[in-house]
C-alpha atoms as a PDB file:
ATOM      1  CA  UNK A   1      88.912  86.950 111.587  1.00  0.00           C
ATOM      2  CA  UNK A   2      90.584  85.983 114.889  1.00  0.00           C
ATOM      3  CA  UNK A   3      90.124  82.420 116.269  1.00  0.00           C
ATOM      4  CA  UNK A   4      90.279  81.472 119.580  1.00  0.00           C
ATOM      5  CA  UNK A   5      93.788  79.554 120.412  1.00  0.00           C
ATOM      6  CA  UNK A   6      95.302  81.575 117.550  1.00  0.00           C
ATOM      7  CA  UNK A   7      97.863  84.405 118.091  1.00  0.00           C
ATOM      8  CA  UNK A   8      96.444  88.076 117.510  1.00  0.00           C
ATOM      9  CA  UNK A   9      98.348  89.795 114.912  1.00  0.00           C
ATOM     10  CA  UNK A  10      98.245  93.744 114.996  1.00  0.00           C
ATOM     11  CA  UNK A  11      98.678  94.741 112.012  1.00  0.00           C
ATOM     12  CA  UNK A  12      96.827  96.329 108.974  1.00  0.00           C
ATOM     13  CA  UNK A  13      95.781  94.493 105.808  1.00  0.00           C
ATOM     14  CA  UNK A  14      97.290  95.806 102.265  1.00  0.00           C
ATOM     15  CA  UNK A  15      93.875  96.462 101.609  1.00  0.00           C
ATOM     16  CA  UNK A  16      92.248 100.199 101.525  1.00  0.00           C
ATOM     17  CA  UNK A  17      91.232 100.801 105.290  1.00  0.00           C
ATOM     18  CA  UNK A  18      86.970 100.821 105.675  1.00  0.00           C
ATOM     19  CA  UNK A  19      85.494 102.345 108.799  1.00  0.00           C
ATOM     20  CA  UNK A  20      85.112  98.903 109.527  1.00  0.00           C
ATOM     21  CA  UNK A  21      88.717  97.841 109.621  1.00  0.00           C
ATOM     22  CA  UNK A  22      89.629 100.988 111.329  1.00  0.00           C
ATOM     23  CA  UNK A  23      87.297 100.410 114.189  1.00  0.00           C
ATOM     24  CA  UNK A  24      88.331  96.609 114.584  1.00  0.00           C
ATOM     25  CA  UNK A  25      92.189  98.185 114.375  1.00  0.00           C
ATOM     26  CA  UNK A  26      91.384 100.754 117.064  1.00  0.00           C
ATOM     27  CA  UNK A  27      89.607  97.980 119.334  1.00  0.00           C
ATOM     28  CA  UNK A  28      92.870  95.905 119.043  1.00  0.00           C
ATOM     29  CA  UNK A  29      95.139  98.732 119.705  1.00  0.00           C
ATOM     30  CA  UNK A  30      93.241  99.316 122.987  1.00  0.00           C
ATOM     31  CA  UNK A  31      92.898  95.730 124.127  1.00  0.00           C
ATOM     32  CA  UNK A  32      96.752  95.458 123.395  1.00  0.00           C
ATOM     33  CA  UNK A  33      97.551  98.819 125.423  1.00  0.00           C
ATOM     34  CA  UNK A  34      95.394  97.436 128.165  1.00  0.00           C
ATOM     35  CA  UNK A  35      97.054  93.870 128.416  1.00  0.00           C
ATOM     36  CA  UNK A  36     100.645  95.695 128.330  1.00  0.00           C
ATOM     37  CA  UNK A  37      99.646  98.274 130.920  1.00  0.00           C
ATOM     38  CA  UNK A  38      98.474  95.053 133.119  1.00  0.00           C
ATOM     39  CA  UNK A  39     101.547  93.332 132.558  1.00  0.00           C
ATOM     40  CA  UNK A  40     103.782  96.360 133.410  1.00  0.00           C
ATOM     41  CA  UNK A  41     101.691  96.870 136.619  1.00  0.00           C
ATOM     42  CA  UNK A  42     102.324  92.777 137.333  1.00  0.00           C
ATOM     43  CA  UNK A  43     106.073  93.427 136.807  1.00  0.00           C
ATOM     44  CA  UNK A  44     106.138  96.771 139.009  1.00  0.00           C
ATOM     45  CA  UNK A  45     106.946  98.954 136.139  1.00  0.00           C
ATOM     46  CA  UNK A  46     104.407 101.298 137.007  1.00  0.00           C
ATOM     47  CA  UNK A  47     104.159 102.650 140.416  1.00  0.00           C
ATOM     48  CA  UNK A  48     100.459 103.149 140.870  1.00  0.00           C
END
């Protein structure tokens, strides 16, 4: 579980992947992708 102020970790646990864990991982990937695109736009890597 993530807590505020802690570094987010983007990895799957070594345990079996349940639907719940898959959903949380998918959401984390979407957030990471959004942050990455925002950073790239801020740095003018992407010309909109």
